[in-house]
N, C-alpha and C. Protein backbone atom coordinates (compact mmCIF):
# COMPACT_ATOMS: atom_id res chain seq x y z
N MET A 1 0.70 -1.13 -0.37
CA MET A 1 -0.12 0.16 -0.06
C MET A 1 1.17 1.66 0.17
N ARG A 2 2.10 1.39 0.78
CA ARG A 2 2.71 2.40 0.67
C ARG A 2 3.30 2.38 -0.68
N LYS A 3 3.54 1.63 -1.43
CA LYS A 3 4.20 1.87 -2.96
C LYS A 3 3.28 2.47 -3.65
N GLU A 4 1.88 1.91 -3.50
CA GLU A 4 1.03 3.00 -4.78
C GLU A 4 0.95 4.37 -3.87
N ILE A 5 0.91 4.62 -2.68
CA ILE A 5 0.66 5.85 -2.40
C ILE A 5 1.92 6.63 -2.90
N LEU A 6 2.77 6.11 -2.78
CA LEU A 6 4.23 6.89 -2.84
C LEU A 6 4.19 7.12 -4.05
N LEU A 7 3.79 6.08 -5.05
CA LEU A 7 3.37 6.43 -6.61
C LEU A 7 2.00 7.24 -6.68
N PHE A 8 1.05 7.07 -6.35
CA PHE A 8 0.44 8.62 -6.44
C PHE A 8 0.91 9.49 -5.98
N ALA A 9 1.56 9.84 -5.33
CA ALA A 9 2.28 11.31 -5.17
C ALA A 9 2.89 11.92 -5.91
N ILE A 10 4.18 10.81 -6.19
CA ILE A 10 4.63 10.67 -7.98
C ILE A 10 4.11 11.86 -8.87
N MET A 11 2.95 10.66 -9.15
CA MET A 11 2.18 11.13 -10.20
C MET A 11 1.53 12.58 -10.30
N ILE A 12 1.05 12.97 -8.79
CA ILE A 12 0.34 14.19 -8.77
C ILE A 12 1.28 15.25 -9.13
N GLY A 13 2.65 14.73 -8.38
CA GLY A 13 3.56 16.02 -8.43
C GLY A 13 4.29 16.32 -9.89
N LEU A 14 4.47 15.39 -10.41
CA LEU A 14 4.71 15.39 -12.24
C LEU A 14 3.12 16.20 -12.62
N VAL A 15 2.20 15.46 -12.70
CA VAL A 15 1.13 16.32 -13.08
C VAL A 15 1.09 17.51 -13.20
N SER A 16 1.88 17.69 -11.86
CA SER A 16 1.17 19.44 -11.27
C SER A 16 2.68 20.55 -11.33
N VAL A 17 3.63 20.32 -12.51
CA VAL A 17 4.70 20.80 -12.44
C VAL A 17 4.28 21.67 -13.50
N PRO A 18 3.71 20.90 -14.82
CA PRO A 18 3.81 21.89 -16.22
C PRO A 18 2.52 23.00 -15.73
N PHE A 19 1.58 22.93 -14.99
CA PHE A 19 1.25 23.78 -14.51
C PHE A 19 1.28 24.93 -13.62
N PHE A 20 2.02 24.42 -12.89
CA PHE A 20 2.73 25.37 -12.18
C PHE A 20 3.89 26.18 -12.81
N ALA A 21 4.66 25.49 -13.62
CA ALA A 21 5.38 26.24 -14.60
C ALA A 21 4.70 27.38 -14.87
N LYS A 22 3.96 26.70 -16.08
CA LYS A 22 3.16 27.73 -17.02
C LYS A 22 2.44 28.85 -16.35
N SER A 23 1.83 28.97 -14.67
CA SER A 23 1.63 30.07 -14.04
C SER A 23 2.82 31.02 -13.81
N GLN A 24 3.92 30.22 -13.30
CA GLN A 24 4.65 31.22 -13.00
C GLN A 24 5.61 32.22 -14.25
N MET A 25 5.17 31.19 -15.70
CA MET A 25 5.89 32.10 -16.52
C MET A 25 5.06 32.85 -16.75
N ALA A 26 4.08 33.26 -17.04
CA ALA A 26 2.93 34.22 -17.13
C ALA A 26 2.73 35.37 -16.00
N ASP A 27 3.00 35.09 -14.97
CA ASP A 27 3.17 36.07 -14.42
C ASP A 27 4.81 36.71 -14.48
N LEU A 28 5.96 35.86 -14.67
CA LEU A 28 7.20 36.58 -14.95
C LEU A 28 7.33 37.23 -16.29
N SER A 29 5.85 36.99 -17.10
CA SER A 29 6.06 37.75 -18.64
C SER A 29 5.64 39.52 -18.36
N GLU A 30 5.05 39.54 -17.04
CA GLU A 30 4.43 40.76 -17.01
C GLU A 30 5.71 41.73 -16.28
N GLU A 31 6.79 41.83 -16.11
CA GLU A 31 7.80 42.33 -16.20
C GLU A 31 8.17 42.73 -17.10
N TYR A 32 8.63 42.41 -17.82
CA TYR A 32 8.77 42.98 -19.22
C TYR A 32 8.15 44.25 -19.98
N ILE A 33 8.82 44.99 -20.69
CA ILE A 33 8.15 46.19 -21.22
C ILE A 33 7.12 45.57 -22.31
N ASP A 34 6.39 45.98 -22.67
CA ASP A 34 5.59 45.61 -24.07
C ASP A 34 5.67 46.54 -24.92
N TYR A 35 5.69 46.17 -26.36
CA TYR A 35 6.16 46.97 -27.38
C TYR A 35 5.16 48.02 -27.72
N GLU A 36 4.24 48.56 -27.26
CA GLU A 36 3.70 50.08 -27.05
C GLU A 36 4.26 50.51 -26.25
N THR A 37 4.82 50.02 -25.07
CA THR A 37 5.62 50.93 -24.56
C THR A 37 6.61 51.35 -25.04
N LEU A 38 7.51 50.43 -25.52
CA LEU A 38 8.82 50.51 -26.58
C LEU A 38 8.51 52.10 -27.68
N LEU A 39 7.59 51.90 -28.04
CA LEU A 39 7.15 52.99 -29.17
C LEU A 39 6.65 54.27 -28.91
N SER A 40 6.70 54.59 -27.63
CA SER A 40 6.34 55.92 -26.98
C SER A 40 7.43 56.17 -26.32
N VAL A 41 8.60 55.66 -26.33
CA VAL A 41 9.81 55.81 -26.38
C VAL A 41 10.12 57.77 -26.82
N ASP A 42 10.59 58.49 -26.06
CA ASP A 42 10.55 59.89 -26.83
C ASP A 42 11.69 60.56 -27.83
N ASP A 43 12.67 59.46 -27.88
CA ASP A 43 13.59 59.35 -28.88
C ASP A 43 13.37 58.76 -30.04
N ASP A 44 12.68 59.22 -31.61
CA ASP A 44 12.54 59.15 -31.96
C ASP A 44 13.65 58.25 -33.24
N GLN A 45 14.57 58.80 -33.03
CA GLN A 45 15.74 58.51 -33.99
C GLN A 45 15.69 56.68 -34.45
N PRO A 46 15.48 55.59 -33.68
CA PRO A 46 15.22 54.38 -33.90
C PRO A 46 14.70 54.41 -34.79
N ARG A 47 13.20 54.86 -34.64
CA ARG A 47 12.45 54.16 -35.09
C ARG A 47 12.65 55.06 -36.88
N VAL A 48 12.90 56.04 -36.81
CA VAL A 48 13.07 56.85 -38.21
C VAL A 48 14.62 56.07 -38.55
N ALA A 49 15.44 55.52 -37.95
CA ALA A 49 16.55 54.89 -38.51
C ALA A 49 15.99 53.71 -39.40
N ASN A 50 15.34 52.93 -38.61
CA ASN A 50 14.54 51.80 -39.04
C ASN A 50 13.28 51.91 -40.43
N LEU A 51 13.14 52.71 -40.44
CA LEU A 51 12.15 53.30 -41.25
C LEU A 51 12.56 53.52 -42.74
N ALA A 52 14.09 54.28 -42.79
CA ALA A 52 14.55 55.16 -43.46
C ALA A 52 15.30 53.89 -44.20
N ALA A 53 15.85 52.80 -43.20
CA ALA A 53 16.38 51.38 -44.10
C ALA A 53 15.13 51.02 -45.16
N THR A 54 13.70 50.87 -44.35
CA THR A 54 12.58 50.12 -45.15
C THR A 54 12.82 50.98 -46.32
N VAL A 55 12.86 51.88 -46.43
CA VAL A 55 12.46 52.70 -47.48
C VAL A 55 13.64 52.68 -48.53
N ILE A 56 14.57 52.75 -47.79
CA ILE A 56 15.58 52.48 -49.03
C ILE A 56 15.84 51.15 -49.78
N GLY A 57 14.98 49.97 -48.96
CA GLY A 57 15.12 48.73 -49.69
C GLY A 57 14.20 48.97 -50.30
N GLU A 58 13.12 49.39 -50.31
CA GLU A 58 12.07 49.94 -51.22
C GLU A 58 12.45 50.31 -52.29
N ALA A 59 13.58 51.40 -52.23
CA ALA A 59 13.95 52.21 -53.22
C ALA A 59 14.88 51.13 -54.39
N MET A 60 15.44 50.14 -53.54
CA MET A 60 16.37 49.57 -54.11
C MET A 60 15.74 48.47 -55.33
N LYS A 61 14.40 48.34 -54.85
CA LYS A 61 14.09 47.05 -55.67
C LYS A 61 14.22 47.61 -57.27
N TYR A 62 14.10 48.76 -57.46
CA TYR A 62 13.65 49.52 -58.70
C TYR A 62 15.13 49.64 -59.07
N ILE A 63 16.14 49.50 -58.99
CA ILE A 63 17.50 49.76 -59.60
C ILE A 63 17.12 49.40 -61.09
N GLY A 64 18.12 49.99 -62.27
CA GLY A 64 17.53 48.86 -63.27
C GLY A 64 16.29 49.81 -63.98
N THR A 65 15.17 50.14 -63.41
CA THR A 65 14.34 50.57 -64.17
C THR A 65 14.48 51.78 -64.95
N PRO A 66 13.83 51.62 -66.38
CA PRO A 66 13.96 52.88 -67.39
C PRO A 66 13.89 54.12 -67.23
N TYR A 67 14.36 55.24 -67.46
CA TYR A 67 14.23 56.36 -67.70
C TYR A 67 12.44 56.50 -68.37
N ARG A 68 12.01 57.38 -68.12
CA ARG A 68 10.49 57.79 -68.82
C ARG A 68 10.25 59.42 -68.10
N TRP A 69 10.45 60.05 -68.95
CA TRP A 69 10.34 61.74 -68.61
C TRP A 69 8.30 61.72 -68.01
N GLY A 70 8.37 61.78 -67.31
CA GLY A 70 7.00 62.24 -66.18
C GLY A 70 6.55 60.66 -65.71
N GLY A 71 7.51 59.73 -65.49
CA GLY A 71 7.28 58.21 -65.55
C GLY A 71 7.37 58.55 -63.67
N LYS A 72 5.84 57.68 -63.33
CA LYS A 72 5.90 57.35 -61.84
C LYS A 72 5.05 56.14 -61.36
N THR A 73 5.72 55.29 -62.54
CA THR A 73 5.57 54.06 -61.94
C THR A 73 6.33 53.10 -62.64
N PRO A 74 7.23 52.09 -62.15
CA PRO A 74 7.75 51.07 -62.27
C PRO A 74 7.97 50.46 -63.73
N ALA A 75 7.46 51.06 -64.77
CA ALA A 75 7.24 50.83 -65.84
C ALA A 75 8.33 51.80 -66.65
N GLY A 76 8.92 53.26 -65.76
CA GLY A 76 9.45 53.72 -66.20
C GLY A 76 9.39 55.32 -65.28
N PHE A 77 10.45 55.80 -64.69
CA PHE A 77 9.97 56.74 -63.77
C PHE A 77 10.92 58.08 -63.92
N ASP A 78 10.69 59.04 -63.76
CA ASP A 78 11.49 60.22 -63.63
C ASP A 78 11.60 60.69 -62.58
N CYS A 79 12.69 61.57 -62.02
CA CYS A 79 13.39 61.99 -60.93
C CYS A 79 12.47 61.56 -59.59
N ALA A 80 11.65 62.93 -59.89
CA ALA A 80 10.67 63.17 -58.79
C ALA A 80 10.03 62.09 -58.81
N GLY A 81 8.79 61.55 -60.08
CA GLY A 81 8.41 60.29 -59.91
C GLY A 81 8.57 59.13 -59.21
N PHE A 82 10.08 58.60 -59.02
CA PHE A 82 10.57 57.84 -58.41
C PHE A 82 10.52 58.10 -56.95
N THR A 83 11.01 59.02 -56.46
CA THR A 83 11.16 59.97 -55.24
C THR A 83 9.28 59.55 -54.06
N ARG A 84 8.35 59.95 -55.27
CA ARG A 84 7.15 60.22 -55.06
C ARG A 84 6.52 58.99 -54.89
N TYR A 85 7.00 57.96 -55.75
CA TYR A 85 6.30 56.63 -55.64
C TYR A 85 6.61 55.78 -54.60
N VAL A 86 8.04 56.25 -54.80
CA VAL A 86 9.05 54.99 -53.16
C VAL A 86 7.72 55.38 -52.07
N TYR A 87 8.17 56.93 -52.07
CA TYR A 87 7.37 57.11 -50.39
C TYR A 87 5.70 56.69 -50.51
N SER A 88 5.24 57.04 -51.51
CA SER A 88 4.25 56.86 -51.41
C SER A 88 4.14 55.08 -51.21
N ARG A 89 4.67 54.42 -51.38
CA ARG A 89 4.69 53.04 -50.62
C ARG A 89 4.40 52.78 -49.17
N PHE A 90 4.70 54.10 -48.23
CA PHE A 90 4.76 54.31 -47.10
C PHE A 90 3.55 55.40 -46.14
N GLY A 91 2.79 55.69 -47.38
CA GLY A 91 1.53 56.62 -47.10
C GLY A 91 2.11 57.85 -46.98
N LEU A 92 3.13 58.75 -47.50
CA LEU A 92 3.28 59.56 -48.07
C LEU A 92 3.39 60.38 -49.01
N THR A 93 2.26 61.42 -49.39
CA THR A 93 2.33 61.43 -50.77
C THR A 93 2.83 63.07 -51.46
N LEU A 94 4.01 63.00 -51.74
CA LEU A 94 4.79 63.75 -52.25
C LEU A 94 4.46 64.32 -53.22
N SER A 95 4.72 65.68 -54.19
CA SER A 95 4.29 66.67 -54.73
C SER A 95 5.17 65.85 -56.32
N PRO A 96 4.01 66.06 -57.36
CA PRO A 96 5.04 65.15 -58.61
C PRO A 96 6.35 66.39 -59.16
N SER A 97 7.09 67.17 -58.43
CA SER A 97 7.85 67.72 -59.28
C SER A 97 9.31 67.52 -58.20
N ALA A 98 10.13 67.95 -58.78
CA ALA A 98 11.50 68.15 -57.93
C ALA A 98 11.38 69.23 -57.07
N PRO A 99 11.07 70.71 -58.03
CA PRO A 99 11.37 71.71 -57.11
C PRO A 99 10.19 72.09 -55.87
N SER A 100 8.97 71.43 -55.90
CA SER A 100 7.76 71.22 -55.23
C SER A 100 8.28 70.43 -53.87
N GLN A 101 9.06 69.06 -54.19
CA GLN A 101 9.45 68.11 -53.27
C GLN A 101 10.61 69.17 -52.47
N SER A 102 11.28 69.70 -52.83
CA SER A 102 12.31 70.60 -52.10
C SER A 102 11.62 71.13 -51.12
N ARG A 103 10.61 71.86 -51.06
CA ARG A 103 9.51 72.77 -50.23
C ARG A 103 8.42 71.79 -49.09
N GLU A 104 8.37 70.25 -49.27
CA GLU A 104 8.32 69.99 -48.51
C GLU A 104 8.43 69.22 -47.28
N GLY A 105 9.58 69.21 -47.54
CA GLY A 105 10.44 68.79 -45.98
C GLY A 105 11.09 70.23 -44.90
N VAL A 106 11.86 69.57 -44.02
CA VAL A 106 12.56 70.65 -43.46
C VAL A 106 14.03 70.52 -43.93
N ARG A 107 14.45 71.59 -44.40
CA ARG A 107 15.80 71.65 -44.99
C ARG A 107 16.82 71.43 -44.14
N LEU A 108 17.82 70.42 -44.41
CA LEU A 108 18.84 70.71 -43.96
C LEU A 108 20.29 70.86 -44.32
N LYS A 109 21.32 71.36 -43.79
CA LYS A 109 22.42 71.26 -43.87
C LYS A 109 22.97 70.42 -44.57
N LYS A 110 24.09 70.35 -45.16
CA LYS A 110 24.80 68.88 -46.07
C LYS A 110 25.11 68.16 -44.65
N ASP A 111 26.20 68.73 -43.04
CA ASP A 111 26.42 67.64 -42.41
C ASP A 111 25.13 67.24 -41.59
N GLU A 112 23.84 67.51 -41.65
CA GLU A 112 22.53 66.87 -41.31
C GLU A 112 22.19 65.55 -41.99
N ILE A 113 22.35 65.85 -43.11
CA ILE A 113 21.87 64.53 -44.07
C ILE A 113 22.18 63.33 -43.70
N ALA A 114 20.85 62.58 -43.65
CA ALA A 114 21.09 60.94 -43.18
C ALA A 114 20.12 60.17 -44.33
N PRO A 115 20.53 58.74 -44.19
CA PRO A 115 19.79 57.92 -45.20
C PRO A 115 17.95 58.27 -44.68
N GLY A 116 17.32 58.20 -45.99
CA GLY A 116 16.22 58.35 -46.01
C GLY A 116 16.11 59.84 -46.55
N ASP A 117 16.76 60.89 -46.79
CA ASP A 117 16.78 62.30 -47.23
C ASP A 117 16.79 62.63 -48.38
N LEU A 118 16.15 63.31 -48.45
CA LEU A 118 15.60 63.89 -50.17
C LEU A 118 17.14 64.99 -50.23
N VAL A 119 17.57 64.79 -51.75
CA VAL A 119 19.03 65.41 -52.03
C VAL A 119 18.44 66.44 -53.79
N PHE A 120 18.87 67.36 -53.52
CA PHE A 120 18.54 68.09 -54.61
C PHE A 120 19.43 68.71 -55.81
N TYR A 121 19.11 68.28 -56.76
CA TYR A 121 20.72 69.59 -58.24
C TYR A 121 20.19 69.61 -58.98
N ALA A 122 20.89 71.07 -59.27
CA ALA A 122 20.60 71.87 -60.35
C ALA A 122 20.34 71.24 -61.50
N GLY A 123 19.14 71.30 -61.98
CA GLY A 123 19.27 70.75 -63.46
C GLY A 123 20.31 70.68 -64.81
N SER A 124 20.87 72.17 -64.52
CA SER A 124 21.92 72.14 -65.98
C SER A 124 23.19 73.15 -64.59
N ARG A 125 24.11 72.77 -65.72
CA ARG A 125 25.48 72.83 -65.28
C ARG A 125 26.08 74.75 -64.10
N ASN A 126 25.30 75.41 -65.03
CA ASN A 126 24.97 76.89 -64.17
C ASN A 126 24.28 77.39 -63.44
N GLY A 127 23.01 76.30 -64.04
CA GLY A 127 21.61 76.66 -63.04
C GLY A 127 21.54 76.57 -61.69
N LYS A 128 20.34 77.52 -61.10
CA LYS A 128 20.47 77.95 -59.61
C LYS A 128 18.91 77.16 -59.49
N SER A 129 18.25 76.80 -60.42
CA SER A 129 17.45 76.12 -60.13
C SER A 129 16.80 74.53 -59.52
N ILE A 130 16.20 74.22 -58.84
CA ILE A 130 16.03 73.03 -58.91
C ILE A 130 15.50 72.02 -59.85
N GLY A 131 16.12 70.93 -60.33
CA GLY A 131 15.83 70.28 -61.78
C GLY A 131 16.06 68.76 -61.22
N HIS A 132 16.61 68.42 -60.08
CA HIS A 132 16.65 66.95 -60.29
C HIS A 132 16.54 66.52 -58.35
N VAL A 133 16.29 65.45 -58.22
CA VAL A 133 16.40 64.66 -56.96
C VAL A 133 16.31 63.47 -56.63
N GLY A 134 17.39 62.81 -55.59
CA GLY A 134 17.60 61.71 -55.16
C GLY A 134 16.90 61.31 -53.66
N LEU A 135 17.44 59.77 -53.19
CA LEU A 135 16.88 59.52 -52.44
C LEU A 135 18.23 58.74 -51.53
N VAL A 136 18.81 59.45 -50.48
CA VAL A 136 19.60 59.69 -49.78
C VAL A 136 19.79 57.86 -49.08
N THR A 137 21.43 57.48 -49.65
CA THR A 137 20.94 55.47 -49.15
C THR A 137 21.78 55.52 -48.17
N GLU A 138 22.78 56.40 -48.16
CA GLU A 138 23.78 55.73 -46.92
C GLU A 138 24.62 57.41 -46.90
N VAL A 139 25.29 57.38 -45.79
CA VAL A 139 26.17 59.02 -45.70
C VAL A 139 27.77 58.68 -45.20
N ALA A 140 28.96 58.84 -45.31
CA ALA A 140 30.08 58.95 -45.03
C ALA A 140 30.23 59.76 -44.37
N THR A 141 31.52 60.05 -44.22
CA THR A 141 32.37 61.58 -43.67
C THR A 141 32.16 62.15 -44.95
N ASP A 142 32.10 62.62 -45.87
CA ASP A 142 32.34 63.61 -46.75
C ASP A 142 31.58 63.46 -47.95
N GLU A 143 30.95 62.28 -48.04
CA GLU A 143 30.47 61.82 -49.23
C GLU A 143 28.65 61.39 -48.40
N PHE A 144 28.11 61.06 -49.72
CA PHE A 144 26.57 60.39 -49.60
C PHE A 144 26.54 60.16 -50.90
N LYS A 145 25.49 58.78 -50.57
CA LYS A 145 25.01 58.10 -52.00
C LYS A 145 23.44 58.41 -52.06
N PHE A 146 22.85 58.49 -52.96
CA PHE A 146 21.61 58.35 -53.11
C PHE A 146 21.00 57.33 -54.40
N ILE A 147 20.12 56.98 -54.55
CA ILE A 147 19.61 56.59 -55.39
C ILE A 147 18.49 57.24 -56.31
N HIS A 148 18.35 57.66 -57.33
CA HIS A 148 17.62 58.22 -58.18
C HIS A 148 17.53 57.89 -59.95
N ALA A 149 16.47 58.30 -60.64
CA ALA A 149 15.89 58.26 -61.38
C ALA A 149 16.70 58.93 -62.41
N SER A 150 17.96 58.65 -63.36
CA SER A 150 18.86 59.24 -63.87
C SER A 150 18.18 58.81 -65.29
N ASN A 151 19.15 59.86 -66.42
CA ASN A 151 18.52 59.27 -67.56
C ASN A 151 19.00 58.35 -67.89
N THR A 152 19.88 57.33 -67.47
CA THR A 152 20.18 55.74 -67.78
C THR A 152 19.33 54.50 -67.14
N GLY A 153 18.54 55.42 -66.41
CA GLY A 153 17.52 54.52 -65.59
C GLY A 153 17.92 54.50 -63.81
N VAL A 154 17.34 53.84 -63.08
CA VAL A 154 17.34 53.90 -61.58
C VAL A 154 18.73 53.53 -61.31
N ARG A 155 19.11 54.51 -60.52
CA ARG A 155 20.78 53.74 -60.26
C ARG A 155 20.86 54.38 -58.85
N VAL A 156 22.47 54.08 -58.11
CA VAL A 156 22.92 54.76 -57.15
C VAL A 156 24.38 55.58 -57.26
N SER A 157 24.13 56.76 -57.22
CA SER A 157 25.30 57.82 -57.63
C SER A 157 26.14 58.58 -56.08
N SER A 158 27.37 58.71 -56.44
CA SER A 158 27.97 59.60 -55.17
C SER A 158 27.86 60.91 -55.12
N SER A 159 27.61 61.57 -53.79
CA SER A 159 27.58 63.17 -53.78
C SER A 159 29.18 63.65 -54.65
N ASN A 160 29.87 62.70 -54.93
CA ASN A 160 31.35 63.39 -54.95
C ASN A 160 31.70 63.17 -55.93
N GLU A 161 30.95 62.43 -57.07
CA GLU A 161 31.03 62.75 -58.82
C GLU A 161 30.80 64.04 -59.01
N PRO A 162 31.98 64.26 -59.95
CA PRO A 162 32.03 65.58 -60.37
C PRO A 162 30.35 66.45 -60.56
N TYR A 163 29.83 65.52 -61.61
CA TYR A 163 28.57 66.25 -62.48
C TYR A 163 27.83 66.48 -61.01
N TYR A 164 27.57 65.92 -60.28
CA TYR A 164 26.54 65.93 -59.32
C TYR A 164 27.06 67.16 -58.15
N LYS A 165 28.24 67.11 -58.36
CA LYS A 165 29.08 67.62 -56.78
C LYS A 165 28.84 69.50 -57.04
N MET A 166 28.83 69.40 -58.57
CA MET A 166 28.95 70.69 -58.62
C MET A 166 27.54 71.25 -59.23
N ARG A 167 26.33 70.61 -59.04
CA ARG A 167 25.12 70.86 -58.98
C ARG A 167 24.26 70.79 -57.73
N TYR A 168 24.86 70.67 -56.43
CA TYR A 168 24.54 69.99 -54.96
C TYR A 168 23.51 71.16 -55.23
N ILE A 169 22.09 71.59 -54.79
CA ILE A 169 21.16 73.12 -54.36
C ILE A 169 21.27 72.52 -52.94
N CYS A 170 20.36 71.26 -52.43
CA CYS A 170 19.95 71.50 -51.09
C CYS A 170 19.43 69.80 -50.55
N ALA A 171 19.45 69.80 -49.32
CA ALA A 171 18.82 68.67 -49.06
C ALA A 171 17.31 69.02 -47.81
N CYS A 172 16.51 67.67 -47.66
CA CYS A 172 15.43 68.26 -47.12
C CYS A 172 15.01 66.76 -46.52
N ARG A 173 14.32 66.63 -45.47
CA ARG A 173 13.94 65.75 -44.54
C ARG A 173 12.54 65.72 -44.43
N VAL A 174 11.78 64.58 -44.96
CA VAL A 174 10.69 64.52 -45.09
C VAL A 174 10.26 63.22 -44.56
N ILE A 175 11.09 62.09 -43.96
CA ILE A 175 10.40 61.34 -43.55
C ILE A 175 10.10 60.59 -42.30
N ASP A 176 10.06 62.43 -41.54
CA ASP A 176 9.01 62.70 -40.00
C ASP A 176 7.81 62.69 -40.56
N LYS A 177 7.39 62.67 -41.99
CA LYS A 177 5.95 62.96 -41.78
C LYS A 177 5.22 61.66 -42.26
N VAL A 178 6.21 60.43 -42.45
CA VAL A 178 5.22 59.35 -42.71
C VAL A 178 4.91 58.92 -41.50
N LYS A 179 3.71 58.21 -41.20
CA LYS A 179 3.32 57.45 -40.22
C LYS A 179 3.37 56.38 -40.04
N GLN A 180 3.26 55.62 -38.96
CA GLN A 180 3.47 54.50 -38.62
C GLN A 180 3.34 54.20 -37.39
């Protein structure tokens, strides 16, 4: 009889362990910060950096897409149509021209440029008016790279290429307007 009682006690103990462990795990999980709390942190930089990486990833899908004057779809883009299309995928509607897009964001000094920002260039060698726009993909000490719809199609260029270096006008940040 003693063996039966002992076996019965062991069985009860084994059966109750998973229930006890499960209830303890549930109690412990309440000690962690939930996702909503993480999103409510005042520092917006990580969210913007993650969003910029996502926007750039979307833009990179279109490398090699042909240039088309007035183009605003993956069948063919012009420069402003390209940046407008990419940002529209994230719920932000930009104007259809490079000059108007330059007025939609917060103007930046050159040393404030970050991935996801828009950069603007003169359309002609000696011009002072905006005629071209690109999306910054990466930033180094004295250079940034940007993806844009050039006359050869969507590609990545360097701000240090002589053609773009002499035509740079300004940069602006629109990524803060994206709702997530």
